[in-house]
Protein backbone atom coordinates (compact mmCIF):
# COMPACT_ATOMS: atom_id res chain seq x y z
CA MET A 1 194.07 -49.53 158.10
CA ALA A 2 192.90 -52.51 156.06
CA LEU A 3 194.96 -52.48 152.90
CA LEU A 4 194.44 -54.60 149.80
CA LYS A 5 197.53 -55.15 147.67
CA ALA A 6 197.80 -56.93 144.35
CA TYR A 7 201.04 -57.77 142.53
CA ILE A 8 200.86 -58.81 138.88
CA VAL A 9 203.71 -60.37 136.91
CA SER A 10 203.88 -62.32 133.66
CA ASP A 11 206.24 -64.19 131.34
CA VAL A 12 208.84 -65.60 133.72
CA HIS A 13 209.26 -68.67 131.46
CA LEU A 14 210.64 -71.11 134.01
CA ASN A 15 211.72 -74.14 131.99
CA SER A 16 213.65 -77.38 132.19
CA HIS A 17 217.09 -75.74 132.01
CA ARG A 18 218.86 -75.84 135.35
CA TYR A 19 218.33 -72.60 137.26
CA GLY A 20 221.61 -70.84 138.02
CA HIS A 21 223.72 -73.02 135.65
CA ASP A 22 226.94 -71.13 134.91
CA ALA A 23 226.60 -71.50 131.15
CA LEU A 24 223.11 -69.98 131.24
CA HIS A 25 223.76 -67.33 133.88
CA HIS A 26 223.25 -64.49 131.42
CA GLN A 27 219.87 -65.96 130.51
CA ARG A 28 218.80 -66.38 134.14
CA PHE A 29 219.40 -62.82 135.31
CA GLY A 30 215.72 -61.90 135.11
CA GLN A 31 214.56 -65.09 136.79
CA GLY A 32 217.03 -64.49 139.61
CA ASN A 33 215.36 -61.13 140.15
CA PHE A 34 211.96 -62.86 140.12
CA LEU A 35 213.15 -65.07 142.94
CA SER A 36 214.35 -62.02 144.87
CA PHE A 37 210.97 -60.36 144.31
CA LEU A 38 209.10 -63.39 145.69
CA ARG A 39 211.26 -63.52 148.78
CA SER A 40 210.94 -59.82 149.53
CA LEU A 41 207.18 -59.94 148.92
CA THR A 42 206.72 -62.42 151.75
CA ASP A 43 209.29 -60.83 154.06
CA GLU A 44 207.73 -57.36 153.78
CA MET A 45 204.11 -58.47 154.22
CA ARG A 46 202.23 -56.98 157.19
CA PRO A 47 199.36 -58.63 159.13
CA GLU A 48 196.84 -55.89 158.27
CA GLU A 49 197.37 -56.37 154.51
CA HIS A 50 195.56 -58.75 152.22
CA VAL A 51 197.94 -59.61 149.36
CA ILE A 52 197.05 -61.10 145.97
CA LEU A 53 199.84 -62.36 143.69
CA VAL A 54 198.67 -62.80 140.09
CA LEU A 55 200.94 -64.90 137.86
CA ASN A 56 199.66 -63.73 134.50
CA GLY A 57 200.63 -66.48 132.08
CA ASP A 58 203.80 -68.10 130.75
CA ILE A 59 205.21 -68.42 134.26
CA LEU A 60 206.08 -72.02 133.42
CA ASP A 61 207.28 -72.65 129.87
CA LEU A 62 206.11 -76.12 128.92
CA ASN A 63 206.50 -75.39 125.20
CA GLU A 64 210.21 -74.57 125.48
CA SER A 65 210.71 -77.63 127.68
CA TRP A 66 209.00 -80.05 125.26
CA PHE A 67 211.54 -82.30 123.52
CA ALA A 68 209.51 -85.54 123.30
CA PRO A 69 208.93 -87.22 119.93
CA LEU A 70 205.20 -86.88 120.66
CA VAL A 71 203.77 -83.41 119.99
CA PRO A 72 201.55 -81.80 122.68
CA TRP A 73 198.53 -81.88 120.37
CA ASP A 74 198.82 -85.60 119.54
CA ALA A 75 195.65 -87.71 119.41
CA ASP A 76 196.91 -89.93 122.24
CA VAL A 77 195.71 -87.64 125.00
CA ALA A 78 196.67 -90.01 127.84
CA GLN A 79 200.28 -90.17 126.67
CA VAL A 80 200.44 -86.40 126.26
CA GLU A 81 199.10 -85.97 129.79
CA ALA A 82 201.80 -88.28 131.17
CA LEU A 83 204.47 -86.25 129.37
CA VAL A 84 203.02 -82.98 130.68
CA LEU A 85 203.38 -84.25 134.25
CA SER A 86 206.92 -85.41 133.51
CA VAL A 87 207.89 -82.02 132.06
CA LEU A 88 206.34 -80.26 135.06
CA GLN A 89 208.37 -82.41 137.43
CA THR A 90 211.57 -81.45 135.61
CA ILE A 91 210.68 -77.74 135.69
CA VAL A 92 209.94 -77.90 139.41
CA THR A 93 213.18 -79.77 140.12
CA ASN A 94 215.29 -77.34 138.11
CA ASN A 95 213.65 -74.27 139.65
CA GLU A 96 213.41 -75.52 143.22
CA ALA A 97 214.21 -72.17 144.85
CA VAL A 98 211.39 -70.38 143.01
CA PHE A 99 208.81 -73.01 143.97
CA HIS A 100 210.01 -72.92 147.57
CA ALA A 101 209.48 -69.14 147.61
CA LEU A 102 205.98 -69.53 146.13
CA HIS A 103 205.16 -72.16 148.74
CA HIS A 104 206.38 -69.86 151.51
CA PHE A 105 204.16 -67.07 150.14
CA VAL A 106 200.99 -69.16 149.89
CA MET A 107 201.45 -70.45 153.44
CA GLN A 108 200.70 -66.96 154.77
CA PRO A 109 197.12 -66.62 156.08
CA ASN A 110 196.30 -63.31 154.36
CA VAL A 111 197.18 -64.10 150.71
CA GLU A 112 195.81 -65.36 147.41
CA LEU A 113 197.87 -66.88 144.59
CA VAL A 114 196.21 -66.70 141.16
CA TYR A 115 197.65 -68.47 138.11
CA VAL A 116 196.32 -67.15 134.78
CA PHE A 117 196.98 -69.39 131.78
CA GLY A 118 199.13 -68.19 128.87
CA ASN A 119 200.16 -69.76 125.57
CA HIS A 120 203.42 -71.38 126.74
CA ASP A 121 201.62 -72.99 129.69
CA ALA A 122 198.30 -73.71 127.95
CA LEU A 123 198.76 -77.41 128.75
CA LEU A 124 197.98 -76.54 132.37
CA GLU A 125 194.54 -75.39 131.28
CA ARG A 126 193.93 -78.57 129.27
CA PHE A 127 194.88 -80.99 132.04
CA PRO A 128 193.36 -80.61 135.53
CA SER A 129 195.88 -83.23 136.66
CA ALA A 130 198.66 -80.73 135.88
CA GLN A 131 196.94 -78.13 138.07
CA GLN A 132 196.58 -80.71 140.83
CA PHE A 133 200.29 -81.52 140.54
CA LEU A 134 201.16 -77.86 141.12
CA ARG A 135 198.71 -77.70 144.03
CA GLU A 136 200.56 -80.55 145.69
CA VAL A 137 203.93 -78.88 145.04
CA LEU A 138 202.88 -75.45 146.29
CA LEU A 139 200.49 -76.33 149.12
CA LYS A 140 202.12 -79.56 150.30
CA GLY A 141 198.82 -80.90 151.60
CA VAL A 142 198.10 -78.05 154.04
CA PRO A 143 194.25 -78.02 154.19
CA GLU A 144 193.82 -74.39 155.26
CA ALA A 145 195.83 -73.22 152.25
CA GLU A 146 193.60 -74.89 149.64
CA GLY A 147 191.48 -71.79 149.04
CA ARG A 148 194.50 -69.56 148.52
CA LEU A 149 195.48 -70.97 145.11
CA ARG A 150 193.38 -70.90 141.96
CA PHE A 151 193.84 -71.29 138.22
CA CYS A 152 191.87 -69.33 135.60
CA ALA A 153 191.95 -67.98 132.05
CA VAL A 154 190.93 -64.46 133.17
CA PHE A 155 191.18 -62.84 136.60
CA GLU A 156 188.86 -60.02 137.65
CA HIS A 157 188.53 -58.18 140.96
CA GLU A 158 185.57 -55.88 141.56
CA ALA A 159 187.04 -53.83 144.42
CA LEU A 160 190.13 -53.03 142.32
CA SER A 161 188.08 -52.60 139.12
CA LEU A 162 190.68 -54.95 137.64
CA HIS A 163 190.75 -57.21 134.57
CA VAL A 164 193.79 -59.45 133.95
CA GLU A 165 194.50 -61.85 131.09
CA HIS A 166 197.66 -63.01 129.38
CA GLY A 167 196.86 -61.59 125.94
CA HIS A 168 197.81 -64.41 123.55
CA ARG A 169 194.20 -64.83 122.45
CA LEU A 170 194.46 -61.42 120.78
CA ASP A 171 197.49 -62.58 118.76
CA ALA A 172 196.61 -64.44 115.54
CA TYR A 173 200.03 -66.10 115.56
CA ASN A 174 199.23 -67.77 118.91
CA GLN A 175 195.50 -68.48 118.59
CA GLU A 176 194.49 -72.14 118.75
CA ALA A 177 191.51 -73.44 116.80
CA GLY A 178 191.14 -76.55 118.98
CA TRP A 179 192.81 -79.38 120.87
CA HIS A 180 194.38 -81.03 117.82
CA ASP A 181 194.77 -77.81 115.82
CA PRO A 182 197.73 -75.94 117.36
CA SER A 183 198.60 -72.33 116.72
CA LEU A 184 201.37 -71.42 114.30
CA GLY A 185 203.36 -70.24 117.31
CA ASP A 186 203.17 -73.70 118.92
CA VAL A 187 204.25 -75.36 115.67
CA VAL A 188 207.29 -73.09 115.33
CA ASN A 189 208.23 -73.49 119.01
CA VAL A 190 207.84 -77.24 119.29
CA LEU A 191 208.67 -78.53 115.80
CA VAL A 192 211.30 -76.03 114.63
CA VAL A 193 212.99 -74.20 117.51
CA ASN A 194 213.07 -76.93 120.16
CA GLY A 195 216.04 -79.17 119.71
CA PHE A 196 217.55 -77.02 116.96
CA GLU A 197 220.72 -76.42 118.97
CA GLN A 198 221.03 -80.17 119.60
CA ARG A 199 220.89 -80.84 115.85
CA VAL A 200 223.58 -78.29 115.15
CA ALA A 201 225.74 -79.61 118.01
CA ALA A 202 225.46 -83.18 116.69
CA LYS A 203 226.51 -82.08 113.19
CA MET A 204 229.44 -80.08 114.59
CA GLN A 205 230.65 -83.06 116.62
CA GLN A 206 230.42 -85.30 113.56
CA GLN A 207 232.58 -82.84 111.60
CA GLY A 208 235.28 -82.62 114.29
CA TYR A 209 234.64 -79.23 115.91
CA THR A 210 236.10 -78.83 119.40
CA ASP A 211 233.89 -79.09 122.47
CA SER A 212 234.49 -75.40 123.26
CA ASP A 213 233.34 -74.38 119.76
CA VAL A 214 230.23 -76.58 120.06
CA GLN A 215 229.45 -75.00 123.44
CA ALA A 216 229.92 -71.46 122.08
CA VAL A 217 227.52 -72.07 119.18
CA TRP A 218 225.03 -73.85 121.45
CA LEU A 219 224.87 -70.82 123.75
CA HIS A 220 224.14 -68.52 120.81
CA LEU A 221 221.45 -70.82 119.44
CA ALA A 222 219.84 -71.01 122.88
CA ASP A 223 219.15 -67.28 122.50
CA ILE A 224 216.64 -67.91 119.68
CA GLY A 225 213.84 -68.02 122.23
CA PHE A 226 214.59 -64.40 123.19
CA LEU A 227 213.88 -63.02 119.70
CA ARG A 228 210.86 -60.78 119.29
CA PRO A 229 209.15 -61.65 117.06
CA LEU A 230 210.31 -65.27 117.02
CA THR A 231 209.73 -65.55 113.27
CA LEU A 232 212.94 -63.55 112.79
CA PHE A 233 215.12 -66.50 113.71
CA PRO A 234 216.21 -67.38 110.12
CA LEU A 235 217.36 -63.77 109.74
CA TRP A 236 219.05 -63.97 113.15
CA LEU A 237 220.89 -67.17 112.12
CA GLU A 238 222.40 -65.40 109.11
CA MET A 239 223.53 -62.54 111.34
CA MET A 240 224.68 -64.73 114.25
CA PRO A 241 228.20 -63.83 115.35
CA THR A 242 230.70 -66.50 116.39
CA HIS A 243 232.04 -65.01 119.62
CA ASN A 244 234.62 -67.01 121.59
CA MET A 245 235.62 -68.97 118.48
CA THR A 246 238.82 -68.81 116.44
CA LEU A 247 237.56 -69.34 112.90
CA ASP A 248 238.91 -68.00 109.65
CA ALA A 249 236.58 -66.83 106.88
CA THR A 250 236.37 -70.30 105.27
CA GLN A 251 235.60 -72.01 108.57
CA HIS A 252 233.03 -69.37 109.44
CA GLU A 253 231.15 -69.91 106.17
CA ALA A 254 231.34 -73.69 106.63
CA LEU A 255 229.71 -73.31 110.05
CA LYS A 256 226.98 -71.12 108.59
CA GLN A 257 226.33 -73.77 105.95
CA LEU A 258 226.14 -76.47 108.64
CA ILE A 259 223.52 -74.41 110.51
CA ARG A 260 221.52 -73.92 107.31
CA GLU A 261 221.58 -77.65 106.67
CA ALA A 262 220.30 -78.36 110.19
CA LEU A 263 217.40 -75.95 109.59
CA TYR A 264 216.80 -77.50 106.18
CA ASP A 265 216.57 -80.97 107.78
CA ILE A 266 213.85 -79.72 110.14
CA LEU A 267 211.90 -78.00 107.38
CA GLN A 268 211.95 -81.20 105.30
CA GLU A 269 210.38 -83.36 108.02
CA ARG A 270 206.92 -84.61 107.12
CA SER A 271 205.24 -83.40 110.32
CA THR A 272 206.72 -79.92 109.97
CA VAL A 273 205.67 -79.63 106.33
CA GLN A 274 202.18 -80.87 107.17
CA TYR A 275 201.54 -78.22 109.81
CA PHE A 276 203.05 -75.39 107.78
CA VAL A 277 200.84 -76.36 104.84
CA GLU A 278 197.78 -76.17 107.09
CA LYS A 279 198.78 -72.95 108.88
CA LEU A 280 200.26 -70.97 105.99
CA HIS A 281 197.95 -72.35 103.26
CA VAL A 282 200.95 -73.00 101.03
CA PRO A 283 201.37 -76.20 98.93
CA ALA A 284 203.83 -78.75 100.31
CA TRP A 285 205.88 -78.74 97.11
CA ALA A 286 206.37 -74.96 97.41
CA LEU A 287 207.62 -75.27 101.00
CA LYS A 288 210.05 -78.05 100.08
CA LEU A 289 211.29 -76.07 97.08
CA LEU A 290 211.76 -73.00 99.27
CA ALA A 291 213.72 -74.98 101.86
CA LYS A 292 215.92 -76.55 99.16
CA ALA A 293 216.54 -73.21 97.46
CA SER A 294 217.60 -71.69 100.78
CA LEU A 295 220.70 -73.91 100.79
CA SER A 296 221.97 -72.42 97.54
CA LEU A 297 220.53 -68.92 98.12
CA PRO A 298 220.82 -68.36 101.91
CA VAL A 299 219.15 -64.94 101.73
CA ILE A 300 215.75 -66.51 100.86
CA LEU A 301 214.76 -67.63 104.35
CA PRO A 302 215.97 -64.42 106.08
CA ALA A 303 214.07 -62.31 103.55
CA LEU A 304 210.91 -64.38 104.09
CA SER A 305 211.48 -64.21 107.84
CA TYR A 306 211.73 -60.42 107.62
CA GLY A 307 208.48 -60.13 105.66
CA ILE A 308 206.50 -62.48 107.92
CA SER A 309 207.85 -60.79 111.03
CA LYS A 310 206.64 -57.39 109.86
CA LEU A 311 203.12 -58.87 109.65
CA VAL A 312 203.40 -60.74 112.94
CA HIS A 313 204.65 -57.61 114.69
CA ARG A 314 201.53 -55.72 113.67
CA ALA A 315 199.32 -58.53 114.95
CA SER A 316 201.10 -59.13 118.27
CA SER A 317 202.17 -55.64 119.38
CA ASN A 318 200.75 -53.79 122.37
CA ALA A 319 198.52 -51.83 119.99
CA ARG A 320 196.14 -54.78 119.64
CA GLN A 321 195.99 -55.15 123.42
CA TYR A 322 195.36 -51.44 123.87
CA GLU A 323 192.36 -51.67 121.54
CA ALA A 324 190.99 -54.56 123.61
CA ALA A 325 191.60 -52.58 126.80
CA GLN A 326 189.55 -49.69 125.41
CA LYS A 327 186.57 -52.04 124.96
CA LEU A 328 186.99 -53.52 128.43
CA SER A 329 187.20 -50.02 129.89
CA ALA A 330 183.84 -49.20 128.32
CA LYS A 331 182.39 -52.14 130.28
CA GLY A 332 183.47 -50.55 133.55
CA TYR A 333 186.96 -51.91 134.24
CA ARG A 334 189.44 -49.24 135.29
CA LEU A 335 192.71 -51.20 135.34
CA ILE A 336 193.31 -53.66 132.47
CA VAL A 337 196.48 -55.77 132.50
CA PHE A 338 198.05 -57.99 129.82
CA GLY A 339 201.39 -59.72 129.33
CA HIS A 340 202.55 -61.87 126.38
CA THR A 341 204.34 -59.24 124.23
CA HIS A 342 207.30 -58.90 126.66
CA ALA A 343 207.04 -55.10 126.26
CA PRO A 344 206.10 -53.22 129.48
CA ALA A 345 203.68 -50.34 129.01
CA VAL A 346 201.18 -48.08 130.74
CA GLU A 347 198.69 -45.99 128.78
CA SER A 348 195.62 -44.00 129.79
CA LEU A 349 192.27 -45.08 128.32
CA GLU A 350 189.62 -42.88 126.73
CA GLN A 351 186.90 -43.98 129.17
CA GLY A 352 189.20 -43.37 132.15
CA GLY A 353 191.58 -45.87 133.69
CA TYR A 354 194.74 -47.46 132.38
CA TYR A 355 196.10 -50.24 130.20
CA PHE A 356 199.20 -52.06 131.44
CA ASN A 357 201.60 -54.63 130.06
CA THR A 358 203.89 -56.22 132.64
CA GLY A 359 206.72 -57.16 130.28
CA SER A 360 208.87 -60.25 130.76
CA TRP A 361 211.49 -61.61 133.14
CA LEU A 362 213.48 -62.99 130.19
CA PRO A 363 215.91 -60.93 128.13
CA ILE A 364 214.73 -59.70 124.75
CA ILE A 365 216.63 -59.48 121.48
CA ARG A 366 214.87 -57.14 119.05
CA LEU A 367 216.40 -57.19 115.59
CA VAL A 368 213.77 -54.73 114.40
CA SER A 369 214.03 -51.29 115.95
CA ARG A 370 211.56 -48.56 115.12
CA ARG A 371 213.98 -45.88 116.29
CA LEU A 372 216.38 -46.25 113.37
CA PRO A 373 215.45 -45.33 109.79
CA LYS A 374 215.58 -48.42 107.58
CA THR A 375 214.27 -49.02 104.09
CA SER A 376 215.43 -52.54 103.20
CA LEU A 377 216.50 -55.91 104.55
CA ARG A 378 220.13 -54.89 103.96
CA ASP A 379 219.70 -52.07 106.50
CA TYR A 380 218.84 -54.68 109.13
CA LEU A 381 221.79 -56.87 108.19
CA ASP A 382 224.16 -53.91 108.45
CA ILE A 383 223.22 -53.11 112.05
CA GLY A 384 226.07 -54.42 114.18
CA ASP A 385 224.71 -54.20 117.72
CA ARG A 386 221.51 -56.22 117.33
CA PHE A 387 222.41 -59.04 119.73
CA ARG A 388 222.38 -57.04 122.95
CA LYS A 389 219.92 -58.48 125.46
CA MET A 390 217.43 -56.05 126.98
CA TYR A 391 215.58 -56.76 130.23
CA ASN A 392 212.01 -55.67 130.86
CA CYS A 393 211.42 -57.36 134.23
CA SER A 394 208.31 -55.70 135.62
CA VAL A 395 205.91 -55.83 138.56
CA LEU A 396 202.58 -54.01 138.63
CA ARG A 397 201.61 -53.22 142.23
CA LEU A 398 198.10 -52.07 143.11
CA GLU A 399 197.05 -50.71 146.50
CA LYS A 400 193.50 -50.14 147.69
CA ASP A 401 192.39 -48.69 151.05
CA LEU A 402 189.41 -50.87 151.94
CA ALA A 403 188.33 -48.35 154.60
CA ASN A 404 187.83 -45.78 151.83
CA PRO A 405 186.05 -47.72 149.03
CA GLN A 406 185.29 -44.60 146.99
CA ARG A 407 188.97 -43.89 146.45
CA PRO A 408 190.39 -45.76 143.42
CA ALA A 409 193.35 -48.09 143.72
CA GLU A 410 196.78 -46.62 143.21
CA TYR A 411 199.21 -48.29 140.81
CA TYR A 412 202.98 -48.61 140.56
CA LEU A 413 204.61 -50.27 137.53
CA GLN A 414 208.19 -51.06 138.50
CA THR A 415 210.75 -52.30 135.98
CA LEU A 416 214.41 -53.25 136.01
CA LYS A 417 214.95 -51.68 132.62
CA THR A 418 214.01 -48.10 133.43
CA GLY A 419 214.76 -47.86 137.15
CA PRO A 420 212.75 -48.47 140.30
CA ILE A 421 209.65 -46.48 139.25
CA PHE A 422 208.51 -46.60 135.63
CA GLU A 423 205.32 -44.64 136.28
CA GLN A 424 202.87 -44.33 139.11
CA GLY A 425 199.47 -42.81 139.68
CA SER A 426 196.00 -43.31 141.07
């Protein structure tokens, strides 16, 4: 029997942190499972199968790995391109086992490897040289493998009645207006979040904190990237516990003040103010006044963070993707797949067929839970267990009997969070 199989994953977020580093082991659990998935995929492949692996965006996280003084949307395109290639080299080096497994997969004669661009790896779409770099890494100059790897913004497959895209273009927070006009999400990631832990660590060292205390705080701050939505990070900073540290109440408050000052320093930088003025349509003086007031009234930024995050959540939830899937279903697609939100899902569509979200291979920290009744910001601050990391590692597997073209493809959405089979059907 000739069998067509497609595997779709998204949001692995391989970055420039060393894979398997002891200090980041708890953050690498999902990516370790991704590596296991890749290895088993190749080992279990049979000669009569044709296998397509779709990497649906944010597989490589160039945004999180960007610590250069130059921003990715700078006018000096040549210099940005050189930095993109440098960042890619670091990501490949620090995730060598994953790239070796991908190379082993694409060397098989009956496979296709499709890379769909997301928002954290949008620089791959901008620079063909970055795509060529990955071709050289994955194919290693093997001529017969050239046709097995492709890059695209949207992947469609007629026999599977399949439409795949990352989903960030449906999210107003992550929509880009043009090359030199980044999204608000890129501004927050690159200008505010990146390097924040280094700032705090430098201030702590200057004030005489021990190396173990600096390391403990650094590990907590590194979790900012796991927040959903990310705009909650000022609220998260106010709630951040100080595990593995022996601090009395006075020392604890002093550390909180140090963290606020580090955030204040970032928010006062000219480039940060400039982009926030453009993206939020707020006068520069108001932003500077807000940042200054947050030092004396720490609740200001968390309260603003809470309000913005409620709006962002509405714009970036799976509901917006489901609406888009309904329209795509009306055009004849039966299986519509997105990523981006880090929330796995499967829902039937009115026209027939299904909408899927393949979740993320990173942990998630959700400060906002819809399952608990809350009426105010204080209710959020009073929730004690809001730092527990949840995993939504997911693989969507499709199977199509090519000898029976009238029979639709069967699907299996498998997740680590809910057990081996989340839901299946045909």
